[in-house]
Amino acid sequence: SYPGDYTGKTTAFIYSPGVGYTIPLGYRGRNSADFGLFYENRVEPG
């Protein structure tokens, strides 16, 4: 609601590594579902 709330930066660098598994779905696997786990960090002071 307010640009300064909850954060030291209005715009911050973010990165996210992860790992997962894909299951093909539908005709010839055109569609699929992903299941995985990831880590994400919005880099801020502190």
All heavy atoms as atom14 arrays in JSON, in Angstrom:
{
  "sequence": "SYPGDYTGKTTAFIYSPGVGYTIPLGYRGRNSADFGLFYENRVEPG",
  "atom14_mask": [
    [1, 1, 1, 1, 1, 1, 0, 0, 0, 0, 0, 0, 0, 0],
    [1, 1, 1, 1, 1, 1, 1, 1, 1, 1, 1, 1, 0, 0],
    [1, 1, 1, 1, 1, 1, 1, 0, 0, 0, 0, 0, 0, 0],
    [1, 1, 1, 1, 0, 0, 0, 0, 0, 0, 0, 0, 0, 0],
    [1, 1, 1, 1, 1, 1, 1, 1, 0, 0, 0, 0, 0, 0],
    [1, 1, 1, 1, 1, 1, 1, 1, 1, 1, 1, 1, 0, 0],
    [1, 1, 1, 1, 1, 1, 1, 0, 0, 0, 0, 0, 0, 0],
    [1, 1, 1, 1, 0, 0, 0, 0, 0, 0, 0, 0, 0, 0],
    [1, 1, 1, 1, 1, 1, 1, 1, 1, 0, 0, 0, 0, 0],
    [1, 1, 1, 1, 1, 1, 1, 0, 0, 0, 0, 0, 0, 0],
    [1, 1, 1, 1, 1, 1, 1, 0, 0, 0, 0, 0, 0, 0],
    [1, 1, 1, 1, 1, 0, 0, 0, 0, 0, 0, 0, 0, 0],
    [1, 1, 1, 1, 1, 1, 1, 1, 1, 1, 1, 0, 0, 0],
    [1, 1, 1, 1, 1, 1, 1, 1, 0, 0, 0, 0, 0, 0],
    [1, 1, 1, 1, 1, 1, 1, 1, 1, 1, 1, 1, 0, 0],
    [1, 1, 1, 1, 1, 1, 0, 0, 0, 0, 0, 0, 0, 0],
    [1, 1, 1, 1, 1, 1, 1, 0, 0, 0, 0, 0, 0, 0],
    [1, 1, 1, 1, 0, 0, 0, 0, 0, 0, 0, 0, 0, 0],
    [1, 1, 1, 1, 1, 1, 1, 0, 0, 0, 0, 0, 0, 0],
    [1, 1, 1, 1, 0, 0, 0, 0, 0, 0, 0, 0, 0, 0],
    [1, 1, 1, 1, 1, 1, 1, 1, 1, 1, 1, 1, 0, 0],
    [1, 1, 1, 1, 1, 1, 1, 0, 0, 0, 0, 0, 0, 0],
    [1, 1, 1, 1, 1, 1, 1, 1, 0, 0, 0, 0, 0, 0],
    [1, 1, 1, 1, 1, 1, 1, 0, 0, 0, 0, 0, 0, 0],
    [1, 1, 1, 1, 1, 1, 1, 1, 0, 0, 0, 0, 0, 0],
    [1, 1, 1, 1, 0, 0, 0, 0, 0, 0, 0, 0, 0, 0],
    [1, 1, 1, 1, 1, 1, 1, 1, 1, 1, 1, 1, 0, 0],
    [1, 1, 1, 1, 1, 1, 1, 1, 1, 1, 1, 0, 0, 0],
    [1, 1, 1, 1, 0, 0, 0, 0, 0, 0, 0, 0, 0, 0],
    [1, 1, 1, 1, 1, 1, 1, 1, 1, 1, 1, 0, 0, 0],
    [1, 1, 1, 1, 1, 1, 1, 1, 0, 0, 0, 0, 0, 0],
    [1, 1, 1, 1, 1, 1, 0, 0, 0, 0, 0, 0, 0, 0],
    [1, 1, 1, 1, 1, 0, 0, 0, 0, 0, 0, 0, 0, 0],
    [1, 1, 1, 1, 1, 1, 1, 1, 0, 0, 0, 0, 0, 0],
    [1, 1, 1, 1, 1, 1, 1, 1, 1, 1, 1, 0, 0, 0],
    [1, 1, 1, 1, 0, 0, 0, 0, 0, 0, 0, 0, 0, 0],
    [1, 1, 1, 1, 1, 1, 1, 1, 0, 0, 0, 0, 0, 0],
    [1, 1, 1, 1, 1, 1, 1, 1, 1, 1, 1, 0, 0, 0],
    [1, 1, 1, 1, 1, 1, 1, 1, 1, 1, 1, 1, 0, 0],
    [1, 1, 1, 1, 1, 1, 1, 1, 1, 0, 0, 0, 0, 0],
    [1, 1, 1, 1, 1, 1, 1, 1, 0, 0, 0, 0, 0, 0],
    [1, 1, 1, 1, 1, 1, 1, 1, 1, 1, 1, 0, 0, 0],
    [1, 1, 1, 1, 1, 1, 1, 0, 0, 0, 0, 0, 0, 0],
    [1, 1, 1, 1, 1, 1, 1, 1, 1, 0, 0, 0, 0, 0],
    [1, 1, 1, 1, 1, 1, 1, 0, 0, 0, 0, 0, 0, 0],
    [1, 1, 1, 1, 0, 0, 0, 0, 0, 0, 0, 0, 0, 0]
  ],
  "atom14_positions": [
    [[0.81, -1.22, 0.0], [0.0, 0.0, 0.0], [0.84, 1.27, 0.0], [0.52, 2.25, -0.67], [-0.94, 0.01, 1.21], [-1.8, -1.1, 1.18], [0.0, 0.0, 0.0], [0.0, 0.0, 0.0], [0.0, 0.0, 0.0], [0.0, 0.0, 0.0], [0.0, 0.0, 0.0], [0.0, 0.0, 0.0], [0.0, 0.0, 0.0], [0.0, 0.0, 0.0]],
    [[1.92, 1.27, 0.77], [2.81, 2.41, 0.83], [4.2, 1.95, 0.39], [4.7, 0.93, 0.87], [2.86, 2.98, 2.24], [1.51, 3.44, 2.74], [0.72, 2.61, 3.53], [1.02, 4.69, 2.39], [-0.53, 3.02, 3.97], [-0.23, 5.11, 2.82], [-1.0, 4.28, 3.61], [-2.24, 4.69, 4.03], [0.0, 0.0, 0.0], [0.0, 0.0, 0.0]],
    [[4.83, 2.65, -0.55], [6.09, 2.19, -1.15], [7.19, 1.84, -0.14], [7.99, 0.96, -0.38], [6.52, 3.38, -2.02], [5.25, 4.06, -2.36], [4.36, 3.9, -1.15], [0.0, 0.0, 0.0], [0.0, 0.0, 0.0], [0.0, 0.0, 0.0], [0.0, 0.0, 0.0], [0.0, 0.0, 0.0], [0.0, 0.0, 0.0], [0.0, 0.0, 0.0]],
    [[7.21, 2.51, 1.02], [8.27, 2.23, 1.98], [7.97, 1.1, 2.95], [8.84, 0.67, 3.69], [0.0, 0.0, 0.0], [0.0, 0.0, 0.0], [0.0, 0.0, 0.0], [0.0, 0.0, 0.0], [0.0, 0.0, 0.0], [0.0, 0.0, 0.0], [0.0, 0.0, 0.0], [0.0, 0.0, 0.0], [0.0, 0.0, 0.0], [0.0, 0.0, 0.0]],
    [[6.72, 0.61, 2.94], [6.34, -0.43, 3.92], [6.98, -1.77, 3.61], [7.11, -2.17, 2.45], [4.82, -0.61, 3.93], [4.12, 0.56, 4.6], [4.83, 1.42, 5.14], [2.88, 0.59, 4.58], [0.0, 0.0, 0.0], [0.0, 0.0, 0.0], [0.0, 0.0, 0.0], [0.0, 0.0, 0.0], [0.0, 0.0, 0.0], [0.0, 0.0, 0.0]],
    [[7.34, -2.49, 4.65], [7.8, -3.87, 4.6], [9.15, -4.08, 3.92], [9.6, -5.21, 3.79], [6.78, -4.77, 3.87], [5.37, -4.6, 4.35], [4.44, -3.96, 3.57], [4.99, -5.08, 5.59], [3.12, -3.79, 4.01], [3.69, -4.93, 6.05], [2.76, -4.28, 5.24], [1.48, -4.12, 5.68], [0.0, 0.0, 0.0], [0.0, 0.0, 0.0]],
    [[9.8, -3.03, 3.48], [10.99, -3.23, 2.67], [11.92, -2.03, 2.71], [11.49, -0.89, 2.86], [10.61, -3.52, 1.21], [11.79, -3.61, 0.42], [9.73, -2.43, 0.63], [0.0, 0.0, 0.0], [0.0, 0.0, 0.0], [0.0, 0.0, 0.0], [0.0, 0.0, 0.0], [0.0, 0.0, 0.0], [0.0, 0.0, 0.0], [0.0, 0.0, 0.0]],
    [[13.21, -2.28, 2.55], [14.18, -1.2, 2.45], [14.36, -0.73, 1.02], [14.96, 0.3, 0.77], [0.0, 0.0, 0.0], [0.0, 0.0, 0.0], [0.0, 0.0, 0.0], [0.0, 0.0, 0.0], [0.0, 0.0, 0.0], [0.0, 0.0, 0.0], [0.0, 0.0, 0.0], [0.0, 0.0, 0.0], [0.0, 0.0, 0.0], [0.0, 0.0, 0.0]],
    [[13.83, -1.5, 0.05], [13.98, -1.17, -1.37], [12.65, -1.33, -2.09], [11.96, -2.33, -1.93], [15.01, -2.1, -2.01], [16.43, -1.93, -1.5], [17.39, -2.84, -2.27], [18.82, -2.64, -1.82], [19.76, -3.51, -2.57], [0.0, 0.0, 0.0], [0.0, 0.0, 0.0], [0.0, 0.0, 0.0], [0.0, 0.0, 0.0], [0.0, 0.0, 0.0]],
    [[12.32, -0.35, -2.92], [11.12, -0.47, -3.74], [11.29, -1.55, -4.8], [10.4, -2.34, -5.07], [10.79, 0.88, -4.42], [10.61, 1.86, -3.4], [9.51, 0.77, -5.24], [0.0, 0.0, 0.0], [0.0, 0.0, 0.0], [0.0, 0.0, 0.0], [0.0, 0.0, 0.0], [0.0, 0.0, 0.0], [0.0, 0.0, 0.0], [0.0, 0.0, 0.0]],
    [[12.49, -1.59, -5.42], [12.84, -2.62, -6.39], [14.12, -3.29, -5.92], [15.09, -2.61, -5.59], [13.04, -2.03, -7.79], [11.85, -1.32, -8.17], [13.33, -3.12, -8.81], [0.0, 0.0, 0.0], [0.0, 0.0, 0.0], [0.0, 0.0, 0.0], [0.0, 0.0, 0.0], [0.0, 0.0, 0.0], [0.0, 0.0, 0.0], [0.0, 0.0, 0.0]],
    [[14.14, -4.62, -5.89], [15.3, -5.34, -5.38], [15.66, -6.5, -6.29], [14.81, -7.04, -7.01], [15.04, -5.86, -3.97], [0.0, 0.0, 0.0], [0.0, 0.0, 0.0], [0.0, 0.0, 0.0], [0.0, 0.0, 0.0], [0.0, 0.0, 0.0], [0.0, 0.0, 0.0], [0.0, 0.0, 0.0], [0.0, 0.0, 0.0], [0.0, 0.0, 0.0]],
    [[16.92, -6.9, -6.26], [17.39, -8.07, -7.0], [16.82, -9.33, -6.37], [16.72, -9.44, -5.15], [18.92, -8.13, -6.97], [19.51, -9.35, -7.63], [19.44, -9.52, -9.01], [20.1, -10.35, -6.86], [19.97, -10.65, -9.61], [20.63, -11.49, -7.46], [20.57, -11.63, -8.84], [0.0, 0.0, 0.0], [0.0, 0.0, 0.0], [0.0, 0.0, 0.0]],
    [[16.42, -10.29, -7.21], [15.87, -11.55, -6.72], [16.48, -12.7, -7.51], [16.74, -12.56, -8.71], [14.32, -11.55, -6.84], [13.73, -12.79, -6.15], [13.87, -11.46, -8.28], [12.21, -12.76, -6.07], [0.0, 0.0, 0.0], [0.0, 0.0, 0.0], [0.0, 0.0, 0.0], [0.0, 0.0, 0.0], [0.0, 0.0, 0.0], [0.0, 0.0, 0.0]],
    [[16.73, -13.81, -6.84], [17.23, -14.99, -7.54], [16.59, -16.25, -6.95], [16.14, -16.25, -5.8], [18.76, -15.08, -7.46], [19.32, -15.28, -6.07], [19.56, -16.55, -5.56], [19.6, -14.18, -5.26], [20.07, -16.72, -4.27], [20.12, -14.34, -3.99], [20.35, -15.61, -3.5], [20.86, -15.79, -2.24], [0.0, 0.0, 0.0], [0.0, 0.0, 0.0]],
    [[16.55, -17.31, -7.76], [15.83, -18.51, -7.34], [16.36, -19.76, -8.05], [16.07, -19.96, -9.22], [14.34, -18.34, -7.63], [13.63, -19.51, -7.29], [0.0, 0.0, 0.0], [0.0, 0.0, 0.0], [0.0, 0.0, 0.0], [0.0, 0.0, 0.0], [0.0, 0.0, 0.0], [0.0, 0.0, 0.0], [0.0, 0.0, 0.0], [0.0, 0.0, 0.0]],
    [[17.12, -20.62, -7.34], [17.48, -21.94, -7.88], [16.46, -22.98, -7.46], [15.8, -22.83, -6.43], [18.84, -22.21, -7.24], [18.76, -21.49, -5.92], [17.87, -20.28, -6.13], [0.0, 0.0, 0.0], [0.0, 0.0, 0.0], [0.0, 0.0, 0.0], [0.0, 0.0, 0.0], [0.0, 0.0, 0.0], [0.0, 0.0, 0.0], [0.0, 0.0, 0.0]],
    [[16.32, -24.05, -8.25], [15.37, -25.08, -7.89], [15.63, -26.4, -8.58], [16.5, -26.52, -9.45], [0.0, 0.0, 0.0], [0.0, 0.0, 0.0], [0.0, 0.0, 0.0], [0.0, 0.0, 0.0], [0.0, 0.0, 0.0], [0.0, 0.0, 0.0], [0.0, 0.0, 0.0], [0.0, 0.0, 0.0], [0.0, 0.0, 0.0], [0.0, 0.0, 0.0]],
    [[14.86, -27.4, -8.2], [14.95, -28.74, -8.78], [13.55, -29.3, -8.88], [12.66, -28.93, -8.09], [15.86, -29.65, -7.92], [15.26, -29.84, -6.52], [16.1, -31.01, -8.58], [0.0, 0.0, 0.0], [0.0, 0.0, 0.0], [0.0, 0.0, 0.0], [0.0, 0.0, 0.0], [0.0, 0.0, 0.0], [0.0, 0.0, 0.0], [0.0, 0.0, 0.0]],
    [[13.29, -30.17, -9.87], [11.95, -30.69, -10.0], [11.82, -31.89, -10.91], [12.82, -32.41, -11.44], [0.0, 0.0, 0.0], [0.0, 0.0, 0.0], [0.0, 0.0, 0.0], [0.0, 0.0, 0.0], [0.0, 0.0, 0.0], [0.0, 0.0, 0.0], [0.0, 0.0, 0.0], [0.0, 0.0, 0.0], [0.0, 0.0, 0.0], [0.0, 0.0, 0.0]],
    [[10.58, -32.3, -11.12], [10.27, -33.49, -11.91], [9.05, -33.18, -12.77], [8.06, -32.61, -12.29], [9.97, -34.67, -10.98], [9.75, -35.99, -11.68], [10.83, -36.78, -12.03], [8.46, -36.44, -11.98], [10.64, -38.01, -12.67], [8.26, -37.67, -12.61], [9.36, -38.44, -12.95], [9.18, -39.64, -13.59], [0.0, 0.0, 0.0], [0.0, 0.0, 0.0]],
    [[9.1, -33.56, -14.06], [8.01, -33.3, -14.99], [7.26, -34.58, -15.32], [7.87, -35.62, -15.59], [8.55, -32.69, -16.3], [9.16, -31.42, -16.01], [7.44, -32.48, -17.31], [0.0, 0.0, 0.0], [0.0, 0.0, 0.0], [0.0, 0.0, 0.0], [0.0, 0.0, 0.0], [0.0, 0.0, 0.0], [0.0, 0.0, 0.0], [0.0, 0.0, 0.0]],
    [[5.92, -34.51, -15.32], [5.08, -35.63, -15.71], [4.31, -35.23, -16.98], [3.51, -34.29, -16.95], [4.08, -36.0, -14.61], [4.83, -36.43, -13.34], [3.14, -37.11, -15.07], [3.93, -36.72, -12.17], [0.0, 0.0, 0.0], [0.0, 0.0, 0.0], [0.0, 0.0, 0.0], [0.0, 0.0, 0.0], [0.0, 0.0, 0.0], [0.0, 0.0, 0.0]],
    [[4.56, -35.9, -18.12], [3.83, -35.58, -19.36], [2.33, -35.89, -19.19], [1.96, -36.86, -18.54], [4.47, -36.51, -20.39], [5.79, -36.9, -19.81], [5.58, -36.93, -18.32], [0.0, 0.0, 0.0], [0.0, 0.0, 0.0], [0.0, 0.0, 0.0], [0.0, 0.0, 0.0], [0.0, 0.0, 0.0], [0.0, 0.0, 0.0], [0.0, 0.0, 0.0]],
    [[1.49, -35.06, -19.81], [0.04, -35.24, -19.74], [-0.56, -35.05, -21.13], [-0.02, -34.3, -21.95], [-0.59, -34.23, -18.78], [-0.12, -34.25, -17.33], [-0.68, -33.04, -16.59], [-0.54, -35.54, -16.64], [0.0, 0.0, 0.0], [0.0, 0.0, 0.0], [0.0, 0.0, 0.0], [0.0, 0.0, 0.0], [0.0, 0.0, 0.0], [0.0, 0.0, 0.0]],
    [[-1.66, -35.69, -21.38], [-2.36, -35.47, -22.63], [-1.7, -36.12, -23.83], [-0.75, -36.9, -23.72], [0.0, 0.0, 0.0], [0.0, 0.0, 0.0], [0.0, 0.0, 0.0], [0.0, 0.0, 0.0], [0.0, 0.0, 0.0], [0.0, 0.0, 0.0], [0.0, 0.0, 0.0], [0.0, 0.0, 0.0], [0.0, 0.0, 0.0], [0.0, 0.0, 0.0]],
    [[-2.18, -35.75, -24.99], [-1.74, -36.33, -26.25], [-0.27, -36.02, -26.52], [0.14, -34.86, -26.59], [-2.61, -35.79, -27.39], [-2.24, -36.32, -28.75], [-2.41, -37.67, -29.07], [-1.74, -35.46, -29.72], [-2.08, -38.15, -30.32], [-1.4, -35.93, -30.98], [-1.57, -37.28, -31.28], [-1.24, -37.74, -32.53], [0.0, 0.0, 0.0], [0.0, 0.0, 0.0]],
    [[0.56, -37.06, -26.64], [1.99, -36.94, -26.93], [2.72, -36.04, -25.94], [3.73, -35.42, -26.29], [2.21, -36.43, -28.36], [1.78, -37.4, -29.44], [2.14, -36.9, -30.8], [1.74, -37.86, -31.83], [1.89, -37.65, -33.14], [2.43, -36.51, -33.57], [1.5, -38.56, -34.01], [0.0, 0.0, 0.0], [0.0, 0.0, 0.0], [0.0, 0.0, 0.0]],
    [[2.2, -35.94, -24.74], [2.88, -35.13, -23.74], [2.91, -33.65, -24.04], [3.77, -32.92, -23.56], [0.0, 0.0, 0.0], [0.0, 0.0, 0.0], [0.0, 0.0, 0.0], [0.0, 0.0, 0.0], [0.0, 0.0, 0.0], [0.0, 0.0, 0.0], [0.0, 0.0, 0.0], [0.0, 0.0, 0.0], [0.0, 0.0, 0.0], [0.0, 0.0, 0.0]],
    [[1.94, -33.19, -24.85], [1.92, -31.76, -25.21], [1.8, -30.89, -23.96], [2.41, -29.84, -23.86], [0.76, -31.5, -26.16], [0.64, -30.06, -26.63], [-0.54, -29.87, -27.56], [-0.64, -28.48, -27.99], [-0.02, -27.99, -29.04], [0.76, -28.75, -29.76], [-0.17, -26.72, -29.37], [0.0, 0.0, 0.0], [0.0, 0.0, 0.0], [0.0, 0.0, 0.0]],
    [[0.99, -31.34, -23.01], [0.87, -30.67, -21.72], [1.63, -31.48, -20.67], [1.9, -32.67, -20.87], [-0.59, -30.52, -21.32], [-1.39, -29.71, -22.33], [-0.84, -28.87, -23.04], [-2.67, -29.99, -22.41], [0.0, 0.0, 0.0], [0.0, 0.0, 0.0], [0.0, 0.0, 0.0], [0.0, 0.0, 0.0], [0.0, 0.0, 0.0], [0.0, 0.0, 0.0]],
    [[1.95, -30.85, -19.56], [2.68, -31.56, -18.51], [2.47, -30.88, -17.17], [1.93, -29.77, -17.09], [4.18, -31.6, -18.84], [4.72, -30.29, -18.91], [0.0, 0.0, 0.0], [0.0, 0.0, 0.0], [0.0, 0.0, 0.0], [0.0, 0.0, 0.0], [0.0, 0.0, 0.0], [0.0, 0.0, 0.0], [0.0, 0.0, 0.0], [0.0, 0.0, 0.0]],
    [[2.9, -31.56, -16.12], [2.85, -31.0, -14.77], [4.25, -31.06, -14.17], [4.98, -32.03, -14.36], [1.88, -31.79, -13.9], [0.0, 0.0, 0.0], [0.0, 0.0, 0.0], [0.0, 0.0, 0.0], [0.0, 0.0, 0.0], [0.0, 0.0, 0.0], [0.0, 0.0, 0.0], [0.0, 0.0, 0.0], [0.0, 0.0, 0.0], [0.0, 0.0, 0.0]],
    [[4.63, -29.99, -13.48], [5.92, -29.93, -12.79], [5.71, -29.98, -11.29], [4.81, -29.33, -10.75], [6.66, -28.62, -13.13], [7.31, -28.64, -14.5], [7.3, -29.71, -15.14], [7.82, -27.59, -14.93], [0.0, 0.0, 0.0], [0.0, 0.0, 0.0], [0.0, 0.0, 0.0], [0.0, 0.0, 0.0], [0.0, 0.0, 0.0], [0.0, 0.0, 0.0]],
    [[6.56, -30.74, -10.61], [6.58, -30.8, -9.15], [8.02, -30.59, -8.7], [8.93, -31.25, -9.22], [6.05, -32.14, -8.65], [4.64, -32.43, -9.06], [4.38, -33.12, -10.25], [3.58, -32.01, -8.28], [3.07, -33.38, -10.65], [2.26, -32.27, -8.67], [2.01, -32.94, -9.86], [0.0, 0.0, 0.0], [0.0, 0.0, 0.0], [0.0, 0.0, 0.0]],
    [[8.24, -29.67, -7.78], [9.62, -29.41, -7.39], [9.74, -28.64, -6.09], [8.78, -28.48, -5.33], [0.0, 0.0, 0.0], [0.0, 0.0, 0.0], [0.0, 0.0, 0.0], [0.0, 0.0, 0.0], [0.0, 0.0, 0.0], [0.0, 0.0, 0.0], [0.0, 0.0, 0.0], [0.0, 0.0, 0.0], [0.0, 0.0, 0.0], [0.0, 0.0, 0.0]],
    [[10.96, -28.18, -5.86], [11.31, -27.44, -4.66], [12.28, -26.34, -5.07], [13.18, -26.57, -5.89], [11.96, -28.37, -3.64], [12.17, -27.84, -2.22], [10.82, -27.65, -1.53], [13.03, -28.82, -1.43], [0.0, 0.0, 0.0], [0.0, 0.0, 0.0], [0.0, 0.0, 0.0], [0.0, 0.0, 0.0], [0.0, 0.0, 0.0], [0.0, 0.0, 0.0]],
    [[12.09, -25.12, -4.53], [13.01, -24.05, -4.88], [13.29, -23.14, -3.69], [12.55, -23.12, -2.7], [12.47, -23.22, -6.06], [11.26, -22.39, -5.74], [11.38, -21.07, -5.31], [9.98, -22.9, -5.89], [10.28, -20.29, -5.02], [8.86, -22.14, -5.6], [9.01, -20.82, -5.17], [0.0, 0.0, 0.0], [0.0, 0.0, 0.0], [0.0, 0.0, 0.0]],
    [[14.37, -22.41, -3.81], [14.8, -21.4, -2.82], [14.73, -20.06, -3.52], [15.14, -19.93, -4.68], [16.23, -21.71, -2.37], [16.89, -20.63, -1.55], [16.77, -20.61, -0.17], [17.67, -19.64, -2.16], [17.39, -19.63, 0.6], [18.29, -18.65, -1.41], [18.15, -18.65, -0.04], [18.76, -17.68, 0.71], [0.0, 0.0, 0.0], [0.0, 0.0, 0.0]],
    [[14.21, -19.04, -2.83], [14.1, -17.71, -3.44], [14.52, -16.64, -2.45], [14.14, -16.69, -1.28], [12.66, -17.47, -3.9], [12.45, -16.16, -4.62], [11.01, -16.01, -5.09], [10.72, -16.44, -6.22], [10.19, -15.49, -4.31], [0.0, 0.0, 0.0], [0.0, 0.0, 0.0], [0.0, 0.0, 0.0], [0.0, 0.0, 0.0], [0.0, 0.0, 0.0]],
    [[15.28, -15.67, -2.92], [15.74, -14.59, -2.05], [15.58, -13.25, -2.73], [16.13, -13.01, -3.81], [17.2, -14.8, -1.65], [17.68, -13.74, -0.67], [16.89, -13.11, 0.02], [18.99, -13.54, -0.6], [0.0, 0.0, 0.0], [0.0, 0.0, 0.0], [0.0, 0.0, 0.0], [0.0, 0.0, 0.0], [0.0, 0.0, 0.0], [0.0, 0.0, 0.0]],
    [[14.78, -12.38, -2.11], [14.69, -10.97, -2.51], [15.73, -10.24, -1.66], [15.55, -10.06, -0.46], [13.29, -10.42, -2.26], [13.1, -8.98, -2.73], [11.7, -8.48, -2.37], [11.3, -7.36, -3.19], [11.54, -6.07, -2.89], [12.18, -5.76, -1.77], [11.14, -5.11, -3.7], [0.0, 0.0, 0.0], [0.0, 0.0, 0.0], [0.0, 0.0, 0.0]],
    [[16.81, -9.83, -2.28], [17.97, -9.32, -1.55], [17.69, -7.92, -0.99], [17.35, -7.0, -1.74], [19.22, -9.28, -2.45], [20.42, -8.76, -1.68], [19.5, -10.67, -3.01], [0.0, 0.0, 0.0], [0.0, 0.0, 0.0], [0.0, 0.0, 0.0], [0.0, 0.0, 0.0], [0.0, 0.0, 0.0], [0.0, 0.0, 0.0], [0.0, 0.0, 0.0]],
    [[17.82, -7.81, 0.34], [17.58, -6.54, 1.03], [18.6, -6.36, 2.14], [19.22, -7.34, 2.58], [16.18, -6.54, 1.65], [15.05, -6.66, 0.67], [14.04, -5.56, 0.86], [14.34, -4.58, 1.58], [12.96, -5.66, 0.28], [0.0, 0.0, 0.0], [0.0, 0.0, 0.0], [0.0, 0.0, 0.0], [0.0, 0.0, 0.0], [0.0, 0.0, 0.0]],
    [[18.77, -5.12, 2.63], [19.62, -4.93, 3.8], [19.11, -5.75, 4.98], [17.9, -5.81, 5.22], [19.49, -3.42, 4.09], [19.08, -2.82, 2.78], [18.23, -3.85, 2.11], [0.0, 0.0, 0.0], [0.0, 0.0, 0.0], [0.0, 0.0, 0.0], [0.0, 0.0, 0.0], [0.0, 0.0, 0.0], [0.0, 0.0, 0.0], [0.0, 0.0, 0.0]],
    [[19.96, -6.45, 5.67], [19.55, -7.24, 6.82], [19.1, -8.64, 6.49], [18.61, -9.35, 7.36], [0.0, 0.0, 0.0], [0.0, 0.0, 0.0], [0.0, 0.0, 0.0], [0.0, 0.0, 0.0], [0.0, 0.0, 0.0], [0.0, 0.0, 0.0], [0.0, 0.0, 0.0], [0.0, 0.0, 0.0], [0.0, 0.0, 0.0], [0.0, 0.0, 0.0]]
  ]
}
